[in-house]
Amino acid sequence: ESPGLNPNLFPFENVKNFVITCHGLGGSKNHSTLITK
């Protein structure tokens, strides 16, 4: 329903990329970040 920009980050099978992800704005939890491929 909402693919976002994922087709630009991982457009095809076995593409090599690394993404740093953080939580969105307005949350109650402390800042978090995680990297993924």
PDB file of all heavy atoms in Angstrom:
ATOM      1  N   GLU A   1       0.814  -1.216   0.000  1.00  0.00           N
ATOM      2  CA  GLU A   1       0.000   0.000   0.000  1.00  0.00           C
ATOM      3  C   GLU A   1       0.849   1.268   0.000  1.00  0.00           C
ATOM      4  O   GLU A   1       0.539   2.236  -0.670  1.00  0.00           O
ATOM      5  CB  GLU A   1      -0.935  -0.014   1.213  1.00  0.00           C
ATOM      6  CG  GLU A   1      -2.003   1.059   1.200  1.00  0.00           C
ATOM      7  CD  GLU A   1      -3.084   0.824   0.153  1.00  0.00           C
ATOM      8  OE1 GLU A   1      -3.087  -0.259  -0.485  1.00  0.00           O
ATOM      9  OE2 GLU A   1      -3.920   1.709  -0.030  1.00  0.00           O
ATOM     10  N   SER A   2       1.932   1.261   0.769  1.00  0.00           N
ATOM     11  CA  SER A   2       2.810   2.444   0.837  1.00  0.00           C
ATOM     12  C   SER A   2       4.266   1.996   0.704  1.00  0.00           C
ATOM     13  O   SER A   2       4.960   1.796   1.705  1.00  0.00           O
ATOM     14  CB  SER A   2       2.597   3.188   2.159  1.00  0.00           C
ATOM     15  OG  SER A   2       1.254   3.613   2.292  1.00  0.00           O
ATOM     16  N   PRO A   3       4.756   1.821  -0.514  1.00  0.00           N
ATOM     17  CA  PRO A   3       6.138   1.335  -0.702  1.00  0.00           C
ATOM     18  C   PRO A   3       7.201   2.343  -0.320  1.00  0.00           C
ATOM     19  O   PRO A   3       8.363   1.980  -0.121  1.00  0.00           O
ATOM     20  CB  PRO A   3       6.197   1.018  -2.194  1.00  0.00           C
ATOM     21  CG  PRO A   3       5.166   1.917  -2.812  1.00  0.00           C
ATOM     22  CD  PRO A   3       4.067   2.022  -1.799  1.00  0.00           C
ATOM     23  N   GLY A   4       6.807   3.628  -0.196  1.00  0.00           N
ATOM     24  CA  GLY A   4       7.789   4.654   0.145  1.00  0.00           C
ATOM     25  C   GLY A   4       8.889   4.726  -0.908  1.00  0.00           C
ATOM     26  O   GLY A   4       8.648   4.541  -2.097  1.00  0.00           O
ATOM     27  N   LEU A   5      10.117   4.964  -0.439  1.00  0.00           N
ATOM     28  CA  LEU A   5      11.258   5.050  -1.356  1.00  0.00           C
ATOM     29  C   LEU A   5      12.030   3.742  -1.454  1.00  0.00           C
ATOM     30  O   LEU A   5      13.104   3.695  -2.044  1.00  0.00           O
ATOM     31  CB  LEU A   5      12.198   6.168  -0.899  1.00  0.00           C
ATOM     32  CG  LEU A   5      11.640   7.588  -0.989  1.00  0.00           C
ATOM     33  CD1 LEU A   5      12.642   8.587  -0.415  1.00  0.00           C
ATOM     34  CD2 LEU A   5      11.303   7.960  -2.422  1.00  0.00           C
ATOM     35  N   ASN A   6      11.472   2.672  -0.863  1.00  0.00           N
ATOM     36  CA  ASN A   6      12.177   1.389  -0.900  1.00  0.00           C
ATOM     37  C   ASN A   6      12.536   0.924  -2.306  1.00  0.00           C
ATOM     38  O   ASN A   6      13.605   0.337  -2.498  1.00  0.00           O
ATOM     39  CB  ASN A   6      11.361   0.318  -0.181  1.00  0.00           C
ATOM     40  CG  ASN A   6      11.606   0.334   1.320  1.00  0.00           C
ATOM     41  OD1 ASN A   6      12.728   0.232   1.774  1.00  0.00           O
ATOM     42  ND2 ASN A   6      10.537   0.478   2.082  1.00  0.00           N
ATOM     43  N   PRO A   7      11.679   1.162  -3.327  1.00  0.00           N
ATOM     44  CA  PRO A   7      12.071   0.760  -4.683  1.00  0.00           C
ATOM     45  C   PRO A   7      13.335   1.460  -5.175  1.00  0.00           C
ATOM     46  O   PRO A   7      14.016   0.949  -6.072  1.00  0.00           O
ATOM     47  CB  PRO A   7      10.859   1.163  -5.533  1.00  0.00           C
ATOM     48  CG  PRO A   7       9.713   1.104  -4.584  1.00  0.00           C
ATOM     49  CD  PRO A   7      10.274   1.614  -3.280  1.00  0.00           C
ATOM     50  N   ASN A   8      13.667   2.609  -4.586  1.00  0.00           N
ATOM     51  CA  ASN A   8      14.896   3.312  -4.958  1.00  0.00           C
ATOM     52  C   ASN A   8      16.107   2.838  -4.153  1.00  0.00           C
ATOM     53  O   ASN A   8      17.250   3.012  -4.583  1.00  0.00           O
ATOM     54  CB  ASN A   8      14.734   4.816  -4.750  1.00  0.00           C
ATOM     55  CG  ASN A   8      13.641   5.404  -5.615  1.00  0.00           C
ATOM     56  OD1 ASN A   8      12.538   5.636  -5.129  1.00  0.00           O
ATOM     57  ND2 ASN A   8      13.917   5.626  -6.879  1.00  0.00           N
ATOM     58  N   LEU A   9      15.841   2.242  -2.987  1.00  0.00           N
ATOM     59  CA  LEU A   9      16.934   1.770  -2.141  1.00  0.00           C
ATOM     60  C   LEU A   9      17.305   0.327  -2.450  1.00  0.00           C
ATOM     61  O   LEU A   9      18.479  -0.043  -2.415  1.00  0.00           O
ATOM     62  CB  LEU A   9      16.540   1.904  -0.660  1.00  0.00           C
ATOM     63  CG  LEU A   9      16.077   3.281  -0.193  1.00  0.00           C
ATOM     64  CD1 LEU A   9      15.800   3.265   1.304  1.00  0.00           C
ATOM     65  CD2 LEU A   9      17.088   4.352  -0.537  1.00  0.00           C
ATOM     66  N   PHE A  10      16.286  -0.491  -2.740  1.00  0.00           N
ATOM     67  CA  PHE A  10      16.502  -1.908  -3.050  1.00  0.00           C
ATOM     68  C   PHE A  10      15.669  -2.263  -4.274  1.00  0.00           C
ATOM     69  O   PHE A  10      14.647  -2.954  -4.174  1.00  0.00           O
ATOM     70  CB  PHE A  10      16.107  -2.774  -1.856  1.00  0.00           C
ATOM     71  CG  PHE A  10      16.868  -2.445  -0.594  1.00  0.00           C
ATOM     72  CD1 PHE A  10      16.316  -1.609   0.364  1.00  0.00           C
ATOM     73  CD2 PHE A  10      18.131  -2.952  -0.382  1.00  0.00           C
ATOM     74  CE1 PHE A  10      17.011  -1.301   1.527  1.00  0.00           C
ATOM     75  CE2 PHE A  10      18.845  -2.646   0.769  1.00  0.00           C
ATOM     76  CZ  PHE A  10      18.278  -1.813   1.727  1.00  0.00           C
ATOM     77  N   PRO A  11      16.081  -1.790  -5.447  1.00  0.00           N
ATOM     78  CA  PRO A  11      15.254  -1.919  -6.650  1.00  0.00           C
ATOM     79  C   PRO A  11      15.212  -3.308  -7.270  1.00  0.00           C
ATOM     80  O   PRO A  11      14.330  -3.603  -8.069  1.00  0.00           O
ATOM     81  CB  PRO A  11      15.882  -0.918  -7.612  1.00  0.00           C
ATOM     82  CG  PRO A  11      17.325  -0.879  -7.203  1.00  0.00           C
ATOM     83  CD  PRO A  11      17.320  -1.038  -5.712  1.00  0.00           C
ATOM     84  N   PHE A  12      16.177  -4.159  -6.937  1.00  0.00           N
ATOM     85  CA  PHE A  12      16.198  -5.485  -7.548  1.00  0.00           C
ATOM     86  C   PHE A  12      16.839  -6.470  -6.584  1.00  0.00           C
ATOM     87  O   PHE A  12      17.463  -6.086  -5.581  1.00  0.00           O
ATOM     88  CB  PHE A  12      16.941  -5.481  -8.888  1.00  0.00           C
ATOM     89  CG  PHE A  12      18.293  -4.825  -8.847  1.00  0.00           C
ATOM     90  CD1 PHE A  12      19.430  -5.560  -8.538  1.00  0.00           C
ATOM     91  CD2 PHE A  12      18.431  -3.463  -9.118  1.00  0.00           C
ATOM     92  CE1 PHE A  12      20.676  -4.957  -8.498  1.00  0.00           C
ATOM     93  CE2 PHE A  12      19.676  -2.857  -9.084  1.00  0.00           C
ATOM     94  CZ  PHE A  12      20.801  -3.602  -8.767  1.00  0.00           C
ATOM     95  N   GLU A  13      16.678  -7.742  -6.884  1.00  0.00           N
ATOM     96  CA  GLU A  13      17.154  -8.807  -6.010  1.00  0.00           C
ATOM     97  C   GLU A  13      18.679  -8.753  -5.882  1.00  0.00           C
ATOM     98  O   GLU A  13      19.395  -8.494  -6.846  1.00  0.00           O
ATOM     99  CB  GLU A  13      16.722 -10.163  -6.581  1.00  0.00           C
ATOM    100  CG  GLU A  13      16.948 -11.342  -5.648  1.00  0.00           C
ATOM    101  CD  GLU A  13      16.439 -12.643  -6.250  1.00  0.00           C
ATOM    102  OE1 GLU A  13      16.177 -12.668  -7.466  1.00  0.00           O
ATOM    103  OE2 GLU A  13      16.314 -13.610  -5.513  1.00  0.00           O
ATOM    104  N   ASN A  14      19.154  -8.975  -4.654  1.00  0.00           N
ATOM    105  CA  ASN A  14      20.592  -9.053  -4.350  1.00  0.00           C
ATOM    106  C   ASN A  14      21.329  -7.730  -4.532  1.00  0.00           C
ATOM    107  O   ASN A  14      22.558  -7.716  -4.644  1.00  0.00           O
ATOM    108  CB  ASN A  14      21.280 -10.129  -5.198  1.00  0.00           C
ATOM    109  CG  ASN A  14      20.733 -11.521  -4.909  1.00  0.00           C
ATOM    110  OD1 ASN A  14      20.396 -11.833  -3.769  1.00  0.00           O
ATOM    111  ND2 ASN A  14      20.624 -12.343  -5.940  1.00  0.00           N
ATOM    112  N   VAL A  15      20.609  -6.611  -4.596  1.00  0.00           N
ATOM    113  CA  VAL A  15      21.291  -5.323  -4.662  1.00  0.00           C
ATOM    114  C   VAL A  15      22.003  -5.067  -3.339  1.00  0.00           C
ATOM    115  O   VAL A  15      21.488  -5.385  -2.267  1.00  0.00           O
ATOM    116  CB  VAL A  15      20.292  -4.183  -4.966  1.00  0.00           C
ATOM    117  CG1 VAL A  15      19.288  -4.017  -3.842  1.00  0.00           C
ATOM    118  CG2 VAL A  15      21.039  -2.865  -5.171  1.00  0.00           C
ATOM    119  N   LYS A  16      23.218  -4.529  -3.407  1.00  0.00           N
ATOM    120  CA  LYS A  16      23.986  -4.258  -2.199  1.00  0.00           C
ATOM    121  C   LYS A  16      23.818  -2.798  -1.811  1.00  0.00           C
ATOM    122  O   LYS A  16      24.157  -1.896  -2.572  1.00  0.00           O
ATOM    123  CB  LYS A  16      25.466  -4.584  -2.414  1.00  0.00           C
ATOM    124  CG  LYS A  16      26.320  -4.432  -1.152  1.00  0.00           C
ATOM    125  CD  LYS A  16      27.767  -4.830  -1.405  1.00  0.00           C
ATOM    126  CE  LYS A  16      28.607  -4.658  -0.136  1.00  0.00           C
ATOM    127  NZ  LYS A  16      30.023  -5.024  -0.346  1.00  0.00           N
ATOM    128  N   ASN A  17      23.276  -2.594  -0.613  1.00  0.00           N
ATOM    129  CA  ASN A  17      23.102  -1.233  -0.121  1.00  0.00           C
ATOM    130  C   ASN A  17      23.044  -1.277   1.398  1.00  0.00           C
ATOM    131  O   ASN A  17      22.714  -2.304   1.991  1.00  0.00           O
ATOM    132  CB  ASN A  17      21.819  -0.608  -0.673  1.00  0.00           C
ATOM    133  CG  ASN A  17      21.834   0.914  -0.587  1.00  0.00           C
ATOM    134  OD1 ASN A  17      22.856   1.524  -0.235  1.00  0.00           O
ATOM    135  ND2 ASN A  17      20.719   1.535  -0.901  1.00  0.00           N
ATOM    136  N   PHE A  18      23.374  -0.156   2.024  1.00  0.00           N
ATOM    137  CA  PHE A  18      23.280  -0.042   3.472  1.00  0.00           C
ATOM    138  C   PHE A  18      22.460   1.203   3.799  1.00  0.00           C
ATOM    139  O   PHE A  18      22.618   2.250   3.159  1.00  0.00           O
ATOM    140  CB  PHE A  18      24.668   0.057   4.105  1.00  0.00           C
ATOM    141  CG  PHE A  18      25.519  -1.160   3.854  1.00  0.00           C
ATOM    142  CD1 PHE A  18      26.560  -1.114   2.938  1.00  0.00           C
ATOM    143  CD2 PHE A  18      25.275  -2.345   4.523  1.00  0.00           C
ATOM    144  CE1 PHE A  18      27.346  -2.229   2.693  1.00  0.00           C
ATOM    145  CE2 PHE A  18      26.053  -3.469   4.290  1.00  0.00           C
ATOM    146  CZ  PHE A  18      27.088  -3.413   3.377  1.00  0.00           C
ATOM    147  N   VAL A  19      21.594   1.074   4.810  1.00  0.00           N
ATOM    148  CA  VAL A  19      20.679   2.149   5.157  1.00  0.00           C
ATOM    149  C   VAL A  19      20.703   2.370   6.665  1.00  0.00           C
ATOM    150  O   VAL A  19      20.556   1.421   7.440  1.00  0.00           O
ATOM    151  CB  VAL A  19      19.237   1.814   4.712  1.00  0.00           C
ATOM    152  CG1 VAL A  19      18.269   2.900   5.162  1.00  0.00           C
ATOM    153  CG2 VAL A  19      19.176   1.644   3.198  1.00  0.00           C
ATOM    154  N   ILE A  20      20.916   3.611   7.072  1.00  0.00           N
ATOM    155  CA  ILE A  20      20.787   3.988   8.479  1.00  0.00           C
ATOM    156  C   ILE A  20      19.348   4.425   8.704  1.00  0.00           C
ATOM    157  O   ILE A  20      18.838   5.286   7.991  1.00  0.00           O
ATOM    158  CB  ILE A  20      21.740   5.145   8.843  1.00  0.00           C
ATOM    159  CG1 ILE A  20      23.203   4.704   8.704  1.00  0.00           C
ATOM    160  CG2 ILE A  20      21.482   5.625  10.273  1.00  0.00           C
ATOM    161  CD1 ILE A  20      24.203   5.831   8.865  1.00  0.00           C
ATOM    162  N   THR A  21      18.687   3.794   9.672  1.00  0.00           N
ATOM    163  CA  THR A  21      17.297   4.154   9.939  1.00  0.00           C
ATOM    164  C   THR A  21      17.155   4.702  11.354  1.00  0.00           C
ATOM    165  O   THR A  21      17.809   4.230  12.288  1.00  0.00           O
ATOM    166  CB  THR A  21      16.360   2.941   9.740  1.00  0.00           C
ATOM    167  OG1 THR A  21      15.011   3.340   9.960  1.00  0.00           O
ATOM    168  CG2 THR A  21      16.693   1.815  10.703  1.00  0.00           C
ATOM    169  N   CYS A  22      16.321   5.724  11.495  1.00  0.00           N
ATOM    170  CA  CYS A  22      16.020   6.333  12.794  1.00  0.00           C
ATOM    171  C   CYS A  22      14.505   6.371  12.969  1.00  0.00           C
ATOM    172  O   CYS A  22      13.753   6.207  12.013  1.00  0.00           O
ATOM    173  CB  CYS A  22      16.564   7.759  12.879  1.00  0.00           C
ATOM    174  SG  CYS A  22      18.340   7.914  12.604  1.00  0.00           S
ATOM    175  N   HIS A  23      14.064   6.599  14.197  1.00  0.00           N
ATOM    176  CA  HIS A  23      12.624   6.715  14.405  1.00  0.00           C
ATOM    177  C   HIS A  23      12.115   8.055  13.884  1.00  0.00           C
ATOM    178  O   HIS A  23      12.886   9.003  13.707  1.00  0.00           O
ATOM    179  CB  HIS A  23      12.252   6.527  15.882  1.00  0.00           C
ATOM    180  CG  HIS A  23      12.843   7.533  16.817  1.00  0.00           C
ATOM    181  ND1 HIS A  23      12.558   8.873  16.762  1.00  0.00           N
ATOM    182  CD2 HIS A  23      13.707   7.386  17.855  1.00  0.00           C
ATOM    183  CE1 HIS A  23      13.198   9.513  17.724  1.00  0.00           C
ATOM    184  NE2 HIS A  23      13.924   8.636  18.392  1.00  0.00           N
ATOM    185  N   GLY A  24      10.821   8.126  13.638  1.00  0.00           N
ATOM    186  CA  GLY A  24      10.222   9.353  13.122  1.00  0.00           C
ATOM    187  C   GLY A  24      10.060  10.406  14.204  1.00  0.00           C
ATOM    188  O   GLY A  24      10.514  10.239  15.338  1.00  0.00           O
ATOM    189  N   LEU A  25       9.407  11.487  13.844  1.00  0.00           N
ATOM    190  CA  LEU A  25       9.240  12.615  14.763  1.00  0.00           C
ATOM    191  C   LEU A  25       7.985  12.439  15.614  1.00  0.00           C
ATOM    192  O   LEU A  25       6.989  11.891  15.165  1.00  0.00           O
ATOM    193  CB  LEU A  25       9.159  13.916  13.970  1.00  0.00           C
ATOM    194  CG  LEU A  25      10.335  14.214  13.035  1.00  0.00           C
ATOM    195  CD1 LEU A  25      10.139  15.557  12.352  1.00  0.00           C
ATOM    196  CD2 LEU A  25      11.650  14.197  13.808  1.00  0.00           C
ATOM    197  N   GLY A  26       8.061  12.938  16.845  1.00  0.00           N
ATOM    198  CA  GLY A  26       6.886  12.942  17.709  1.00  0.00           C
ATOM    199  C   GLY A  26       6.730  11.714  18.572  1.00  0.00           C
ATOM    200  O   GLY A  26       5.719  11.564  19.268  1.00  0.00           O
ATOM    201  N   GLY A  27       7.708  10.829  18.572  1.00  0.00           N
ATOM    202  CA  GLY A  27       7.616   9.637  19.406  1.00  0.00           C
ATOM    203  C   GLY A  27       7.962   9.941  20.858  1.00  0.00           C
ATOM    204  O   GLY A  27       8.470  11.004  21.202  1.00  0.00           O
ATOM    205  N   SER A  28       7.684   8.973  21.737  1.00  0.00           N
ATOM    206  CA  SER A  28       7.946   9.155  23.168  1.00  0.00           C
ATOM    207  C   SER A  28       9.237   8.480  23.614  1.00  0.00           C
ATOM    208  O   SER A  28       9.769   8.797  24.674  1.00  0.00           O
ATOM    209  CB  SER A  28       6.775   8.587  23.978  1.00  0.00           C
ATOM    210  OG  SER A  28       6.592   7.201  23.708  1.00  0.00           O
ATOM    211  N   LYS A  29       9.741   7.540  22.810  1.00  0.00           N
ATOM    212  CA  LYS A  29      10.938   6.799  23.199  1.00  0.00           C
ATOM    213  C   LYS A  29      12.198   7.616  22.914  1.00  0.00           C
ATOM    214  O   LYS A  29      12.190   8.543  22.103  1.00  0.00           O
ATOM    215  CB  LYS A  29      11.005   5.468  22.447  1.00  0.00           C
ATOM    216  CG  LYS A  29       9.852   4.526  22.738  1.00  0.00           C
ATOM    217  CD  LYS A  29      10.037   3.229  21.983  1.00  0.00           C
ATOM    218  CE  LYS A  29       8.945   2.216  22.299  1.00  0.00           C
ATOM    219  NZ  LYS A  29       7.635   2.635  21.761  1.00  0.00           N
ATOM    220  N   ASN A  30      13.278   7.242  23.597  1.00  0.00           N
ATOM    221  CA  ASN A  30      14.558   7.901  23.352  1.00  0.00           C
ATOM    222  C   ASN A  30      15.048   7.581  21.939  1.00  0.00           C
ATOM    223  O   ASN A  30      14.655   6.583  21.337  1.00  0.00           O
ATOM    224  CB  ASN A  30      15.594   7.442  24.385  1.00  0.00           C
ATOM    225  CG  ASN A  30      15.305   7.982  25.771  1.00  0.00           C
ATOM    226  OD1 ASN A  30      14.703   9.057  25.914  1.00  0.00           O
ATOM    227  ND2 ASN A  30      15.708   7.247  26.793  1.00  0.00           N
ATOM    228  N   HIS A  31      15.928   8.431  21.446  1.00  0.00           N
ATOM    229  CA  HIS A  31      16.433   8.287  20.083  1.00  0.00           C
ATOM    230  C   HIS A  31      17.025   6.904  19.841  1.00  0.00           C
ATOM    231  O   HIS A  31      17.746   6.358  20.676  1.00  0.00           O
ATOM    232  CB  HIS A  31      17.503   9.340  19.811  1.00  0.00           C
ATOM    233  CG  HIS A  31      18.178   9.173  18.482  1.00  0.00           C
ATOM    234  ND1 HIS A  31      17.601   9.560  17.302  1.00  0.00           N
ATOM    235  CD2 HIS A  31      19.383   8.631  18.167  1.00  0.00           C
ATOM    236  CE1 HIS A  31      18.416   9.272  16.302  1.00  0.00           C
ATOM    237  NE2 HIS A  31      19.511   8.716  16.805  1.00  0.00           N
ATOM    238  N   SER A  32      16.693   6.336  18.692  1.00  0.00           N
ATOM    239  CA  SER A  32      17.231   5.036  18.298  1.00  0.00           C
ATOM    240  C   SER A  32      17.685   5.091  16.849  1.00  0.00           C
ATOM    241  O   SER A  32      17.115   5.820  16.036  1.00  0.00           O
ATOM    242  CB  SER A  32      16.166   3.941  18.445  1.00  0.00           C
ATOM    243  OG  SER A  32      15.862   3.670  19.793  1.00  0.00           O
ATOM    244  N   THR A  33      18.674   4.300  16.546  1.00  0.00           N
ATOM    245  CA  THR A  33      19.133   4.174  15.167  1.00  0.00           C
ATOM    246  C   THR A  33      19.635   2.766  14.941  1.00  0.00           C
ATOM    247  O   THR A  33      20.126   2.107  15.866  1.00  0.00           O
ATOM    248  CB  THR A  33      20.237   5.203  14.855  1.00  0.00           C
ATOM    249  OG1 THR A  33      20.581   5.133  13.473  1.00  0.00           O
ATOM    250  CG2 THR A  33      21.480   4.944  15.688  1.00  0.00           C
ATOM    251  N   LEU A  34      19.486   2.285  13.724  1.00  0.00           N
ATOM    252  CA  LEU A  34      19.919   0.934  13.384  1.00  0.00           C
ATOM    253  C   LEU A  34      20.281   0.901  11.910  1.00  0.00           C
ATOM    254  O   LEU A  34      19.623   1.557  11.095  1.00  0.00           O
ATOM    255  CB  LEU A  34      18.802  -0.073  13.674  1.00  0.00           C
ATOM    256  CG  LEU A  34      19.174  -1.559  13.644  1.00  0.00           C
ATOM    257  CD1 LEU A  34      20.182  -1.889  14.734  1.00  0.00           C
ATOM    258  CD2 LEU A  34      17.925  -2.424  13.828  1.00  0.00           C
ATOM    259  N   ILE A  35      21.306   0.155  11.558  1.00  0.00           N
ATOM    260  CA  ILE A  35      21.716   0.036  10.170  1.00  0.00           C
ATOM    261  C   ILE A  35      21.263  -1.316   9.625  1.00  0.00           C
ATOM    262  O   ILE A  35      21.187  -2.299  10.364  1.00  0.00           O
ATOM    263  CB  ILE A  35      23.252   0.183  10.027  1.00  0.00           C
ATOM    264  CG1 ILE A  35      23.647   0.403   8.561  1.00  0.00           C
ATOM    265  CG2 ILE A  35      23.992  -0.994  10.638  1.00  0.00           C
ATOM    266  CD1 ILE A  35      25.096   0.827   8.372  1.00  0.00           C
ATOM    267  N   THR A  36      20.929  -1.354   8.351  1.00  0.00           N
ATOM    268  CA  THR A  36      20.464  -2.590   7.738  1.00  0.00           C
ATOM    269  C   THR A  36      20.915  -2.654   6.284  1.00  0.00           C
ATOM    270  O   THR A  36      21.244  -1.631   5.682  1.00  0.00           O
ATOM    271  CB  THR A  36      18.927  -2.691   7.808  1.00  0.00           C
ATOM    272  OG1 THR A  36      18.497  -3.879   7.129  1.00  0.00           O
ATOM    273  CG2 THR A  36      18.274  -1.491   7.139  1.00  0.00           C
ATOM    274  N   LYS A  37      20.916  -3.860   5.756  1.00  0.00           N
ATOM    275  CA  LYS A  37      21.191  -4.052   4.329  1.00  0.00           C
ATOM    276  C   LYS A  37      19.953  -4.596   3.621  1.00  0.00           C
ATOM    277  O   LYS A  37      20.029  -5.079   2.503  1.00  0.00           O
ATOM    278  CB  LYS A  37      22.371  -5.000   4.119  1.00  0.00           C
ATOM    279  CG  LYS A  37      22.169  -6.399   4.662  1.00  0.00           C
ATOM    280  CD  LYS A  37      23.363  -7.292   4.343  1.00  0.00           C
ATOM    281  CE  LYS A  37      23.148  -8.711   4.872  1.00  0.00           C
ATOM    282  NZ  LYS A  37      24.291  -9.603   4.548  1.00  0.00           N
TER     283      LYS A  37
END
